[in-house]
PDBML (XML) file of the C-alpha atoms, coordinates in Angstrom:
<?xml version="1.0" encoding="UTF-8" ?>
<PDBx:datablock datablockName="MODEL"
   xmlns:PDBx="http://pdbml.pdb.org/schema/pdbx-v50.xsd"
   xmlns:xsi="http://www.w3.org/2001/XMLSchema-instance"
   xsi:schemaLocation="http://pdbml.pdb.org/schema/pdbx-v50.xsd pdbx-v50.xsd">
   <PDBx:atom_siteCategory>
      <PDBx:atom_site id="1">
         <PDBx:B_iso_or_equiv>0.00</PDBx:B_iso_or_equiv>
         <PDBx:Cartn_x>0.253</PDBx:Cartn_x>
         <PDBx:Cartn_y>-0.004</PDBx:Cartn_y>
         <PDBx:Cartn_z>0.397</PDBx:Cartn_z>
         <PDBx:auth_asym_id>A</PDBx:auth_asym_id>
         <PDBx:auth_atom_id>CA</PDBx:auth_atom_id>
         <PDBx:auth_comp_id>GLY</PDBx:auth_comp_id>
         <PDBx:auth_seq_id>1</PDBx:auth_seq_id>
         <PDBx:group_PDB>ATOM</PDBx:group_PDB>
         <PDBx:label_alt_id xsi:nil="true" />
         <PDBx:label_asym_id>A</PDBx:label_asym_id>
         <PDBx:label_atom_id>CA</PDBx:label_atom_id>
         <PDBx:label_comp_id>GLY</PDBx:label_comp_id>
         <PDBx:label_entity_id>1</PDBx:label_entity_id>
         <PDBx:label_seq_id>1</PDBx:label_seq_id>
         <PDBx:occupancy>1.00</PDBx:occupancy>
         <PDBx:pdbx_PDB_model_num>1</PDBx:pdbx_PDB_model_num>
         <PDBx:type_symbol>C</PDBx:type_symbol>
      </PDBx:atom_site>
      <PDBx:atom_site id="2">
         <PDBx:B_iso_or_equiv>0.00</PDBx:B_iso_or_equiv>
         <PDBx:Cartn_x>2.711</PDBx:Cartn_x>
         <PDBx:Cartn_y>2.552</PDBx:Cartn_y>
         <PDBx:Cartn_z>0.721</PDBx:Cartn_z>
         <PDBx:auth_asym_id>A</PDBx:auth_asym_id>
         <PDBx:auth_atom_id>CA</PDBx:auth_atom_id>
         <PDBx:auth_comp_id>ALA</PDBx:auth_comp_id>
         <PDBx:auth_seq_id>2</PDBx:auth_seq_id>
         <PDBx:group_PDB>ATOM</PDBx:group_PDB>
         <PDBx:label_alt_id xsi:nil="true" />
         <PDBx:label_asym_id>A</PDBx:label_asym_id>
         <PDBx:label_atom_id>CA</PDBx:label_atom_id>
         <PDBx:label_comp_id>ALA</PDBx:label_comp_id>
         <PDBx:label_entity_id>1</PDBx:label_entity_id>
         <PDBx:label_seq_id>2</PDBx:label_seq_id>
         <PDBx:occupancy>1.00</PDBx:occupancy>
         <PDBx:pdbx_PDB_model_num>1</PDBx:pdbx_PDB_model_num>
         <PDBx:type_symbol>C</PDBx:type_symbol>
      </PDBx:atom_site>
      <PDBx:atom_site id="3">
         <PDBx:B_iso_or_equiv>0.00</PDBx:B_iso_or_equiv>
         <PDBx:Cartn_x>3.819</PDBx:Cartn_x>
         <PDBx:Cartn_y>2.151</PDBx:Cartn_y>
         <PDBx:Cartn_z>-3.334</PDBx:Cartn_z>
         <PDBx:auth_asym_id>A</PDBx:auth_asym_id>
         <PDBx:auth_atom_id>CA</PDBx:auth_atom_id>
         <PDBx:auth_comp_id>ILE</PDBx:auth_comp_id>
         <PDBx:auth_seq_id>3</PDBx:auth_seq_id>
         <PDBx:group_PDB>ATOM</PDBx:group_PDB>
         <PDBx:label_alt_id xsi:nil="true" />
         <PDBx:label_asym_id>A</PDBx:label_asym_id>
         <PDBx:label_atom_id>CA</PDBx:label_atom_id>
         <PDBx:label_comp_id>ILE</PDBx:label_comp_id>
         <PDBx:label_entity_id>1</PDBx:label_entity_id>
         <PDBx:label_seq_id>3</PDBx:label_seq_id>
         <PDBx:occupancy>1.00</PDBx:occupancy>
         <PDBx:pdbx_PDB_model_num>1</PDBx:pdbx_PDB_model_num>
         <PDBx:type_symbol>C</PDBx:type_symbol>
      </PDBx:atom_site>
      <PDBx:atom_site id="4">
         <PDBx:B_iso_or_equiv>0.00</PDBx:B_iso_or_equiv>
         <PDBx:Cartn_x>0.593</PDBx:Cartn_x>
         <PDBx:Cartn_y>4.836</PDBx:Cartn_y>
         <PDBx:Cartn_z>-3.890</PDBx:Cartn_z>
         <PDBx:auth_asym_id>A</PDBx:auth_asym_id>
         <PDBx:auth_atom_id>CA</PDBx:auth_atom_id>
         <PDBx:auth_comp_id>ILE</PDBx:auth_comp_id>
         <PDBx:auth_seq_id>4</PDBx:auth_seq_id>
         <PDBx:group_PDB>ATOM</PDBx:group_PDB>
         <PDBx:label_alt_id xsi:nil="true" />
         <PDBx:label_asym_id>A</PDBx:label_asym_id>
         <PDBx:label_atom_id>CA</PDBx:label_atom_id>
         <PDBx:label_comp_id>ILE</PDBx:label_comp_id>
         <PDBx:label_entity_id>1</PDBx:label_entity_id>
         <PDBx:label_seq_id>4</PDBx:label_seq_id>
         <PDBx:occupancy>1.00</PDBx:occupancy>
         <PDBx:pdbx_PDB_model_num>1</PDBx:pdbx_PDB_model_num>
         <PDBx:type_symbol>C</PDBx:type_symbol>
      </PDBx:atom_site>
      <PDBx:atom_site id="5">
         <PDBx:B_iso_or_equiv>0.00</PDBx:B_iso_or_equiv>
         <PDBx:Cartn_x>2.326</PDBx:Cartn_x>
         <PDBx:Cartn_y>7.313</PDBx:Cartn_y>
         <PDBx:Cartn_z>-1.593</PDBx:Cartn_z>
         <PDBx:auth_asym_id>A</PDBx:auth_asym_id>
         <PDBx:auth_atom_id>CA</PDBx:auth_atom_id>
         <PDBx:auth_comp_id>PRO</PDBx:auth_comp_id>
         <PDBx:auth_seq_id>5</PDBx:auth_seq_id>
         <PDBx:group_PDB>ATOM</PDBx:group_PDB>
         <PDBx:label_alt_id xsi:nil="true" />
         <PDBx:label_asym_id>A</PDBx:label_asym_id>
         <PDBx:label_atom_id>CA</PDBx:label_atom_id>
         <PDBx:label_comp_id>PRO</PDBx:label_comp_id>
         <PDBx:label_entity_id>1</PDBx:label_entity_id>
         <PDBx:label_seq_id>5</PDBx:label_seq_id>
         <PDBx:occupancy>1.00</PDBx:occupancy>
         <PDBx:pdbx_PDB_model_num>1</PDBx:pdbx_PDB_model_num>
         <PDBx:type_symbol>C</PDBx:type_symbol>
      </PDBx:atom_site>
      <PDBx:atom_site id="6">
         <PDBx:B_iso_or_equiv>0.00</PDBx:B_iso_or_equiv>
         <PDBx:Cartn_x>5.508</PDBx:Cartn_x>
         <PDBx:Cartn_y>6.772</PDBx:Cartn_y>
         <PDBx:Cartn_z>-3.619</PDBx:Cartn_z>
         <PDBx:auth_asym_id>A</PDBx:auth_asym_id>
         <PDBx:auth_atom_id>CA</PDBx:auth_atom_id>
         <PDBx:auth_comp_id>MET</PDBx:auth_comp_id>
         <PDBx:auth_seq_id>6</PDBx:auth_seq_id>
         <PDBx:group_PDB>ATOM</PDBx:group_PDB>
         <PDBx:label_alt_id xsi:nil="true" />
         <PDBx:label_asym_id>A</PDBx:label_asym_id>
         <PDBx:label_atom_id>CA</PDBx:label_atom_id>
         <PDBx:label_comp_id>MET</PDBx:label_comp_id>
         <PDBx:label_entity_id>1</PDBx:label_entity_id>
         <PDBx:label_seq_id>6</PDBx:label_seq_id>
         <PDBx:occupancy>1.00</PDBx:occupancy>
         <PDBx:pdbx_PDB_model_num>1</PDBx:pdbx_PDB_model_num>
         <PDBx:type_symbol>C</PDBx:type_symbol>
      </PDBx:atom_site>
      <PDBx:atom_site id="7">
         <PDBx:B_iso_or_equiv>0.00</PDBx:B_iso_or_equiv>
         <PDBx:Cartn_x>3.481</PDBx:Cartn_x>
         <PDBx:Cartn_y>6.727</PDBx:Cartn_y>
         <PDBx:Cartn_z>-7.108</PDBx:Cartn_z>
         <PDBx:auth_asym_id>A</PDBx:auth_asym_id>
         <PDBx:auth_atom_id>CA</PDBx:auth_atom_id>
         <PDBx:auth_comp_id>VAL</PDBx:auth_comp_id>
         <PDBx:auth_seq_id>7</PDBx:auth_seq_id>
         <PDBx:group_PDB>ATOM</PDBx:group_PDB>
         <PDBx:label_alt_id xsi:nil="true" />
         <PDBx:label_asym_id>A</PDBx:label_asym_id>
         <PDBx:label_atom_id>CA</PDBx:label_atom_id>
         <PDBx:label_comp_id>VAL</PDBx:label_comp_id>
         <PDBx:label_entity_id>1</PDBx:label_entity_id>
         <PDBx:label_seq_id>7</PDBx:label_seq_id>
         <PDBx:occupancy>1.00</PDBx:occupancy>
         <PDBx:pdbx_PDB_model_num>1</PDBx:pdbx_PDB_model_num>
         <PDBx:type_symbol>C</PDBx:type_symbol>
      </PDBx:atom_site>
      <PDBx:atom_site id="8">
         <PDBx:B_iso_or_equiv>0.00</PDBx:B_iso_or_equiv>
         <PDBx:Cartn_x>1.950</PDBx:Cartn_x>
         <PDBx:Cartn_y>9.885</PDBx:Cartn_y>
         <PDBx:Cartn_z>-5.777</PDBx:Cartn_z>
         <PDBx:auth_asym_id>A</PDBx:auth_asym_id>
         <PDBx:auth_atom_id>CA</PDBx:auth_atom_id>
         <PDBx:auth_comp_id>MET</PDBx:auth_comp_id>
         <PDBx:auth_seq_id>8</PDBx:auth_seq_id>
         <PDBx:group_PDB>ATOM</PDBx:group_PDB>
         <PDBx:label_alt_id xsi:nil="true" />
         <PDBx:label_asym_id>A</PDBx:label_asym_id>
         <PDBx:label_atom_id>CA</PDBx:label_atom_id>
         <PDBx:label_comp_id>MET</PDBx:label_comp_id>
         <PDBx:label_entity_id>1</PDBx:label_entity_id>
         <PDBx:label_seq_id>8</PDBx:label_seq_id>
         <PDBx:occupancy>1.00</PDBx:occupancy>
         <PDBx:pdbx_PDB_model_num>1</PDBx:pdbx_PDB_model_num>
         <PDBx:type_symbol>C</PDBx:type_symbol>
      </PDBx:atom_site>
      <PDBx:atom_site id="9">
         <PDBx:B_iso_or_equiv>0.00</PDBx:B_iso_or_equiv>
         <PDBx:Cartn_x>5.768</PDBx:Cartn_x>
         <PDBx:Cartn_y>11.398</PDBx:Cartn_y>
         <PDBx:Cartn_z>-5.192</PDBx:Cartn_z>
         <PDBx:auth_asym_id>A</PDBx:auth_asym_id>
         <PDBx:auth_atom_id>CA</PDBx:auth_atom_id>
         <PDBx:auth_comp_id>ALA</PDBx:auth_comp_id>
         <PDBx:auth_seq_id>9</PDBx:auth_seq_id>
         <PDBx:group_PDB>ATOM</PDBx:group_PDB>
         <PDBx:label_alt_id xsi:nil="true" />
         <PDBx:label_asym_id>A</PDBx:label_asym_id>
         <PDBx:label_atom_id>CA</PDBx:label_atom_id>
         <PDBx:label_comp_id>ALA</PDBx:label_comp_id>
         <PDBx:label_entity_id>1</PDBx:label_entity_id>
         <PDBx:label_seq_id>9</PDBx:label_seq_id>
         <PDBx:occupancy>1.00</PDBx:occupancy>
         <PDBx:pdbx_PDB_model_num>1</PDBx:pdbx_PDB_model_num>
         <PDBx:type_symbol>C</PDBx:type_symbol>
      </PDBx:atom_site>
      <PDBx:atom_site id="10">
         <PDBx:B_iso_or_equiv>0.00</PDBx:B_iso_or_equiv>
         <PDBx:Cartn_x>6.434</PDBx:Cartn_x>
         <PDBx:Cartn_y>11.025</PDBx:Cartn_y>
         <PDBx:Cartn_z>-8.645</PDBx:Cartn_z>
         <PDBx:auth_asym_id>A</PDBx:auth_asym_id>
         <PDBx:auth_atom_id>CA</PDBx:auth_atom_id>
         <PDBx:auth_comp_id>PHE</PDBx:auth_comp_id>
         <PDBx:auth_seq_id>10</PDBx:auth_seq_id>
         <PDBx:group_PDB>ATOM</PDBx:group_PDB>
         <PDBx:label_alt_id xsi:nil="true" />
         <PDBx:label_asym_id>A</PDBx:label_asym_id>
         <PDBx:label_atom_id>CA</PDBx:label_atom_id>
         <PDBx:label_comp_id>PHE</PDBx:label_comp_id>
         <PDBx:label_entity_id>1</PDBx:label_entity_id>
         <PDBx:label_seq_id>10</PDBx:label_seq_id>
         <PDBx:occupancy>1.00</PDBx:occupancy>
         <PDBx:pdbx_PDB_model_num>1</PDBx:pdbx_PDB_model_num>
         <PDBx:type_symbol>C</PDBx:type_symbol>
      </PDBx:atom_site>
      <PDBx:atom_site id="11">
         <PDBx:B_iso_or_equiv>0.00</PDBx:B_iso_or_equiv>
         <PDBx:Cartn_x>3.744</PDBx:Cartn_x>
         <PDBx:Cartn_y>13.867</PDBx:Cartn_y>
         <PDBx:Cartn_z>-8.674</PDBx:Cartn_z>
         <PDBx:auth_asym_id>A</PDBx:auth_asym_id>
         <PDBx:auth_atom_id>CA</PDBx:auth_atom_id>
         <PDBx:auth_comp_id>GLY</PDBx:auth_comp_id>
         <PDBx:auth_seq_id>11</PDBx:auth_seq_id>
         <PDBx:group_PDB>ATOM</PDBx:group_PDB>
         <PDBx:label_alt_id xsi:nil="true" />
         <PDBx:label_asym_id>A</PDBx:label_asym_id>
         <PDBx:label_atom_id>CA</PDBx:label_atom_id>
         <PDBx:label_comp_id>GLY</PDBx:label_comp_id>
         <PDBx:label_entity_id>1</PDBx:label_entity_id>
         <PDBx:label_seq_id>11</PDBx:label_seq_id>
         <PDBx:occupancy>1.00</PDBx:occupancy>
         <PDBx:pdbx_PDB_model_num>1</PDBx:pdbx_PDB_model_num>
         <PDBx:type_symbol>C</PDBx:type_symbol>
      </PDBx:atom_site>
      <PDBx:atom_site id="12">
         <PDBx:B_iso_or_equiv>0.00</PDBx:B_iso_or_equiv>
         <PDBx:Cartn_x>4.671</PDBx:Cartn_x>
         <PDBx:Cartn_y>15.805</PDBx:Cartn_y>
         <PDBx:Cartn_z>-5.866</PDBx:Cartn_z>
         <PDBx:auth_asym_id>A</PDBx:auth_asym_id>
         <PDBx:auth_atom_id>CA</PDBx:auth_atom_id>
         <PDBx:auth_comp_id>CYS</PDBx:auth_comp_id>
         <PDBx:auth_seq_id>12</PDBx:auth_seq_id>
         <PDBx:group_PDB>ATOM</PDBx:group_PDB>
         <PDBx:label_alt_id xsi:nil="true" />
         <PDBx:label_asym_id>A</PDBx:label_asym_id>
         <PDBx:label_atom_id>CA</PDBx:label_atom_id>
         <PDBx:label_comp_id>CYS</PDBx:label_comp_id>
         <PDBx:label_entity_id>1</PDBx:label_entity_id>
         <PDBx:label_seq_id>12</PDBx:label_seq_id>
         <PDBx:occupancy>1.00</PDBx:occupancy>
         <PDBx:pdbx_PDB_model_num>1</PDBx:pdbx_PDB_model_num>
         <PDBx:type_symbol>C</PDBx:type_symbol>
      </PDBx:atom_site>
      <PDBx:atom_site id="13">
         <PDBx:B_iso_or_equiv>0.00</PDBx:B_iso_or_equiv>
         <PDBx:Cartn_x>6.097</PDBx:Cartn_x>
         <PDBx:Cartn_y>15.051</PDBx:Cartn_y>
         <PDBx:Cartn_z>-3.038</PDBx:Cartn_z>
         <PDBx:auth_asym_id>A</PDBx:auth_asym_id>
         <PDBx:auth_atom_id>CA</PDBx:auth_atom_id>
         <PDBx:auth_comp_id>ASN</PDBx:auth_comp_id>
         <PDBx:auth_seq_id>13</PDBx:auth_seq_id>
         <PDBx:group_PDB>ATOM</PDBx:group_PDB>
         <PDBx:label_alt_id xsi:nil="true" />
         <PDBx:label_asym_id>A</PDBx:label_asym_id>
         <PDBx:label_atom_id>CA</PDBx:label_atom_id>
         <PDBx:label_comp_id>ASN</PDBx:label_comp_id>
         <PDBx:label_entity_id>1</PDBx:label_entity_id>
         <PDBx:label_seq_id>13</PDBx:label_seq_id>
         <PDBx:occupancy>1.00</PDBx:occupancy>
         <PDBx:pdbx_PDB_model_num>1</PDBx:pdbx_PDB_model_num>
         <PDBx:type_symbol>C</PDBx:type_symbol>
      </PDBx:atom_site>
      <PDBx:atom_site id="14">
         <PDBx:B_iso_or_equiv>0.00</PDBx:B_iso_or_equiv>
         <PDBx:Cartn_x>3.920</PDBx:Cartn_x>
         <PDBx:Cartn_y>17.338</PDBx:Cartn_y>
         <PDBx:Cartn_z>-0.075</PDBx:Cartn_z>
         <PDBx:auth_asym_id>A</PDBx:auth_asym_id>
         <PDBx:auth_atom_id>CA</PDBx:auth_atom_id>
         <PDBx:auth_comp_id>VAL</PDBx:auth_comp_id>
         <PDBx:auth_seq_id>14</PDBx:auth_seq_id>
         <PDBx:group_PDB>ATOM</PDBx:group_PDB>
         <PDBx:label_alt_id xsi:nil="true" />
         <PDBx:label_asym_id>A</PDBx:label_asym_id>
         <PDBx:label_atom_id>CA</PDBx:label_atom_id>
         <PDBx:label_comp_id>VAL</PDBx:label_comp_id>
         <PDBx:label_entity_id>1</PDBx:label_entity_id>
         <PDBx:label_seq_id>14</PDBx:label_seq_id>
         <PDBx:occupancy>1.00</PDBx:occupancy>
         <PDBx:pdbx_PDB_model_num>1</PDBx:pdbx_PDB_model_num>
         <PDBx:type_symbol>C</PDBx:type_symbol>
      </PDBx:atom_site>
      <PDBx:atom_site id="15">
         <PDBx:B_iso_or_equiv>0.00</PDBx:B_iso_or_equiv>
         <PDBx:Cartn_x>0.868</PDBx:Cartn_x>
         <PDBx:Cartn_y>15.139</PDBx:Cartn_y>
         <PDBx:Cartn_z>-1.252</PDBx:Cartn_z>
         <PDBx:auth_asym_id>A</PDBx:auth_asym_id>
         <PDBx:auth_atom_id>CA</PDBx:auth_atom_id>
         <PDBx:auth_comp_id>PRO</PDBx:auth_comp_id>
         <PDBx:auth_seq_id>15</PDBx:auth_seq_id>
         <PDBx:group_PDB>ATOM</PDBx:group_PDB>
         <PDBx:label_alt_id xsi:nil="true" />
         <PDBx:label_asym_id>A</PDBx:label_asym_id>
         <PDBx:label_atom_id>CA</PDBx:label_atom_id>
         <PDBx:label_comp_id>PRO</PDBx:label_comp_id>
         <PDBx:label_entity_id>1</PDBx:label_entity_id>
         <PDBx:label_seq_id>15</PDBx:label_seq_id>
         <PDBx:occupancy>1.00</PDBx:occupancy>
         <PDBx:pdbx_PDB_model_num>1</PDBx:pdbx_PDB_model_num>
         <PDBx:type_symbol>C</PDBx:type_symbol>
      </PDBx:atom_site>
      <PDBx:atom_site id="16">
         <PDBx:B_iso_or_equiv>0.00</PDBx:B_iso_or_equiv>
         <PDBx:Cartn_x>2.579</PDBx:Cartn_x>
         <PDBx:Cartn_y>12.115</PDBx:Cartn_y>
         <PDBx:Cartn_z>-0.797</PDBx:Cartn_z>
         <PDBx:auth_asym_id>A</PDBx:auth_asym_id>
         <PDBx:auth_atom_id>CA</PDBx:auth_atom_id>
         <PDBx:auth_comp_id>ALA</PDBx:auth_comp_id>
         <PDBx:auth_seq_id>16</PDBx:auth_seq_id>
         <PDBx:group_PDB>ATOM</PDBx:group_PDB>
         <PDBx:label_alt_id xsi:nil="true" />
         <PDBx:label_asym_id>A</PDBx:label_asym_id>
         <PDBx:label_atom_id>CA</PDBx:label_atom_id>
         <PDBx:label_comp_id>ALA</PDBx:label_comp_id>
         <PDBx:label_entity_id>1</PDBx:label_entity_id>
         <PDBx:label_seq_id>16</PDBx:label_seq_id>
         <PDBx:occupancy>1.00</PDBx:occupancy>
         <PDBx:pdbx_PDB_model_num>1</PDBx:pdbx_PDB_model_num>
         <PDBx:type_symbol>C</PDBx:type_symbol>
      </PDBx:atom_site>
      <PDBx:atom_site id="17">
         <PDBx:B_iso_or_equiv>0.00</PDBx:B_iso_or_equiv>
         <PDBx:Cartn_x>4.346</PDBx:Cartn_x>
         <PDBx:Cartn_y>12.970</PDBx:Cartn_y>
         <PDBx:Cartn_z>2.728</PDBx:Cartn_z>
         <PDBx:auth_asym_id>A</PDBx:auth_asym_id>
         <PDBx:auth_atom_id>CA</PDBx:auth_atom_id>
         <PDBx:auth_comp_id>VAL</PDBx:auth_comp_id>
         <PDBx:auth_seq_id>17</PDBx:auth_seq_id>
         <PDBx:group_PDB>ATOM</PDBx:group_PDB>
         <PDBx:label_alt_id xsi:nil="true" />
         <PDBx:label_asym_id>A</PDBx:label_asym_id>
         <PDBx:label_atom_id>CA</PDBx:label_atom_id>
         <PDBx:label_comp_id>VAL</PDBx:label_comp_id>
         <PDBx:label_entity_id>1</PDBx:label_entity_id>
         <PDBx:label_seq_id>17</PDBx:label_seq_id>
         <PDBx:occupancy>1.00</PDBx:occupancy>
         <PDBx:pdbx_PDB_model_num>1</PDBx:pdbx_PDB_model_num>
         <PDBx:type_symbol>C</PDBx:type_symbol>
      </PDBx:atom_site>
      <PDBx:atom_site id="18">
         <PDBx:B_iso_or_equiv>0.00</PDBx:B_iso_or_equiv>
         <PDBx:Cartn_x>1.126</PDBx:Cartn_x>
         <PDBx:Cartn_y>13.679</PDBx:Cartn_y>
         <PDBx:Cartn_z>3.663</PDBx:Cartn_z>
         <PDBx:auth_asym_id>A</PDBx:auth_asym_id>
         <PDBx:auth_atom_id>CA</PDBx:auth_atom_id>
         <PDBx:auth_comp_id>MET</PDBx:auth_comp_id>
         <PDBx:auth_seq_id>18</PDBx:auth_seq_id>
         <PDBx:group_PDB>ATOM</PDBx:group_PDB>
         <PDBx:label_alt_id xsi:nil="true" />
         <PDBx:label_asym_id>A</PDBx:label_asym_id>
         <PDBx:label_atom_id>CA</PDBx:label_atom_id>
         <PDBx:label_comp_id>MET</PDBx:label_comp_id>
         <PDBx:label_entity_id>1</PDBx:label_entity_id>
         <PDBx:label_seq_id>18</PDBx:label_seq_id>
         <PDBx:occupancy>1.00</PDBx:occupancy>
         <PDBx:pdbx_PDB_model_num>1</PDBx:pdbx_PDB_model_num>
         <PDBx:type_symbol>C</PDBx:type_symbol>
      </PDBx:atom_site>
      <PDBx:atom_site id="19">
         <PDBx:B_iso_or_equiv>0.00</PDBx:B_iso_or_equiv>
         <PDBx:Cartn_x>-0.711</PDBx:Cartn_x>
         <PDBx:Cartn_y>10.182</PDBx:Cartn_y>
         <PDBx:Cartn_z>2.630</PDBx:Cartn_z>
         <PDBx:auth_asym_id>A</PDBx:auth_asym_id>
         <PDBx:auth_atom_id>CA</PDBx:auth_atom_id>
         <PDBx:auth_comp_id>ALA</PDBx:auth_comp_id>
         <PDBx:auth_seq_id>19</PDBx:auth_seq_id>
         <PDBx:group_PDB>ATOM</PDBx:group_PDB>
         <PDBx:label_alt_id xsi:nil="true" />
         <PDBx:label_asym_id>A</PDBx:label_asym_id>
         <PDBx:label_atom_id>CA</PDBx:label_atom_id>
         <PDBx:label_comp_id>ALA</PDBx:label_comp_id>
         <PDBx:label_entity_id>1</PDBx:label_entity_id>
         <PDBx:label_seq_id>19</PDBx:label_seq_id>
         <PDBx:occupancy>1.00</PDBx:occupancy>
         <PDBx:pdbx_PDB_model_num>1</PDBx:pdbx_PDB_model_num>
         <PDBx:type_symbol>C</PDBx:type_symbol>
      </PDBx:atom_site>
      <PDBx:atom_site id="20">
         <PDBx:B_iso_or_equiv>0.00</PDBx:B_iso_or_equiv>
         <PDBx:Cartn_x>2.715</PDBx:Cartn_x>
         <PDBx:Cartn_y>8.240</PDBx:Cartn_y>
         <PDBx:Cartn_z>4.752</PDBx:Cartn_z>
         <PDBx:auth_asym_id>A</PDBx:auth_asym_id>
         <PDBx:auth_atom_id>CA</PDBx:auth_atom_id>
         <PDBx:auth_comp_id>ALA</PDBx:auth_comp_id>
         <PDBx:auth_seq_id>20</PDBx:auth_seq_id>
         <PDBx:group_PDB>ATOM</PDBx:group_PDB>
         <PDBx:label_alt_id xsi:nil="true" />
         <PDBx:label_asym_id>A</PDBx:label_asym_id>
         <PDBx:label_atom_id>CA</PDBx:label_atom_id>
         <PDBx:label_comp_id>ALA</PDBx:label_comp_id>
         <PDBx:label_entity_id>1</PDBx:label_entity_id>
         <PDBx:label_seq_id>20</PDBx:label_seq_id>
         <PDBx:occupancy>1.00</PDBx:occupancy>
         <PDBx:pdbx_PDB_model_num>1</PDBx:pdbx_PDB_model_num>
         <PDBx:type_symbol>C</PDBx:type_symbol>
      </PDBx:atom_site>
      <PDBx:atom_site id="21">
         <PDBx:B_iso_or_equiv>0.00</PDBx:B_iso_or_equiv>
         <PDBx:Cartn_x>1.259</PDBx:Cartn_x>
         <PDBx:Cartn_y>9.787</PDBx:Cartn_y>
         <PDBx:Cartn_z>7.917</PDBx:Cartn_z>
         <PDBx:auth_asym_id>A</PDBx:auth_asym_id>
         <PDBx:auth_atom_id>CA</PDBx:auth_atom_id>
         <PDBx:auth_comp_id>GLY</PDBx:auth_comp_id>
         <PDBx:auth_seq_id>21</PDBx:auth_seq_id>
         <PDBx:group_PDB>ATOM</PDBx:group_PDB>
         <PDBx:label_alt_id xsi:nil="true" />
         <PDBx:label_asym_id>A</PDBx:label_asym_id>
         <PDBx:label_atom_id>CA</PDBx:label_atom_id>
         <PDBx:label_comp_id>GLY</PDBx:label_comp_id>
         <PDBx:label_entity_id>1</PDBx:label_entity_id>
         <PDBx:label_seq_id>21</PDBx:label_seq_id>
         <PDBx:occupancy>1.00</PDBx:occupancy>
         <PDBx:pdbx_PDB_model_num>1</PDBx:pdbx_PDB_model_num>
         <PDBx:type_symbol>C</PDBx:type_symbol>
      </PDBx:atom_site>
      <PDBx:atom_site id="22">
         <PDBx:B_iso_or_equiv>0.00</PDBx:B_iso_or_equiv>
         <PDBx:Cartn_x>-1.879</PDBx:Cartn_x>
         <PDBx:Cartn_y>7.589</PDBx:Cartn_y>
         <PDBx:Cartn_z>7.685</PDBx:Cartn_z>
         <PDBx:auth_asym_id>A</PDBx:auth_asym_id>
         <PDBx:auth_atom_id>CA</PDBx:auth_atom_id>
         <PDBx:auth_comp_id>GLN</PDBx:auth_comp_id>
         <PDBx:auth_seq_id>22</PDBx:auth_seq_id>
         <PDBx:group_PDB>ATOM</PDBx:group_PDB>
         <PDBx:label_alt_id xsi:nil="true" />
         <PDBx:label_asym_id>A</PDBx:label_asym_id>
         <PDBx:label_atom_id>CA</PDBx:label_atom_id>
         <PDBx:label_comp_id>GLN</PDBx:label_comp_id>
         <PDBx:label_entity_id>1</PDBx:label_entity_id>
         <PDBx:label_seq_id>22</PDBx:label_seq_id>
         <PDBx:occupancy>1.00</PDBx:occupancy>
         <PDBx:pdbx_PDB_model_num>1</PDBx:pdbx_PDB_model_num>
         <PDBx:type_symbol>C</PDBx:type_symbol>
      </PDBx:atom_site>
      <PDBx:atom_site id="23">
         <PDBx:B_iso_or_equiv>0.00</PDBx:B_iso_or_equiv>
         <PDBx:Cartn_x>0.355</PDBx:Cartn_x>
         <PDBx:Cartn_y>4.490</PDBx:Cartn_y>
         <PDBx:Cartn_z>7.914</PDBx:Cartn_z>
         <PDBx:auth_asym_id>A</PDBx:auth_asym_id>
         <PDBx:auth_atom_id>CA</PDBx:auth_atom_id>
         <PDBx:auth_comp_id>LEU</PDBx:auth_comp_id>
         <PDBx:auth_seq_id>23</PDBx:auth_seq_id>
         <PDBx:group_PDB>ATOM</PDBx:group_PDB>
         <PDBx:label_alt_id xsi:nil="true" />
         <PDBx:label_asym_id>A</PDBx:label_asym_id>
         <PDBx:label_atom_id>CA</PDBx:label_atom_id>
         <PDBx:label_comp_id>LEU</PDBx:label_comp_id>
         <PDBx:label_entity_id>1</PDBx:label_entity_id>
         <PDBx:label_seq_id>23</PDBx:label_seq_id>
         <PDBx:occupancy>1.00</PDBx:occupancy>
         <PDBx:pdbx_PDB_model_num>1</PDBx:pdbx_PDB_model_num>
         <PDBx:type_symbol>C</PDBx:type_symbol>
      </PDBx:atom_site>
      <PDBx:atom_site id="24">
         <PDBx:B_iso_or_equiv>0.00</PDBx:B_iso_or_equiv>
         <PDBx:Cartn_x>-0.133</PDBx:Cartn_x>
         <PDBx:Cartn_y>2.314</PDBx:Cartn_y>
         <PDBx:Cartn_z>10.259</PDBx:Cartn_z>
         <PDBx:auth_asym_id>A</PDBx:auth_asym_id>
         <PDBx:auth_atom_id>CA</PDBx:auth_atom_id>
         <PDBx:auth_comp_id>ARG</PDBx:auth_comp_id>
         <PDBx:auth_seq_id>24</PDBx:auth_seq_id>
         <PDBx:group_PDB>ATOM</PDBx:group_PDB>
         <PDBx:label_alt_id xsi:nil="true" />
         <PDBx:label_asym_id>A</PDBx:label_asym_id>
         <PDBx:label_atom_id>CA</PDBx:label_atom_id>
         <PDBx:label_comp_id>ARG</PDBx:label_comp_id>
         <PDBx:label_entity_id>1</PDBx:label_entity_id>
         <PDBx:label_seq_id>24</PDBx:label_seq_id>
         <PDBx:occupancy>1.00</PDBx:occupancy>
         <PDBx:pdbx_PDB_model_num>1</PDBx:pdbx_PDB_model_num>
         <PDBx:type_symbol>C</PDBx:type_symbol>
      </PDBx:atom_site>
   </PDBx:atom_siteCategory>
</PDBx:datablock>
């Protein structure tokens, strides 16, 4: 599931870090 924020990071690191903040 962490690949989704990783792929988001190719667009922008900011929302990807926010998504990673929801990891368990």
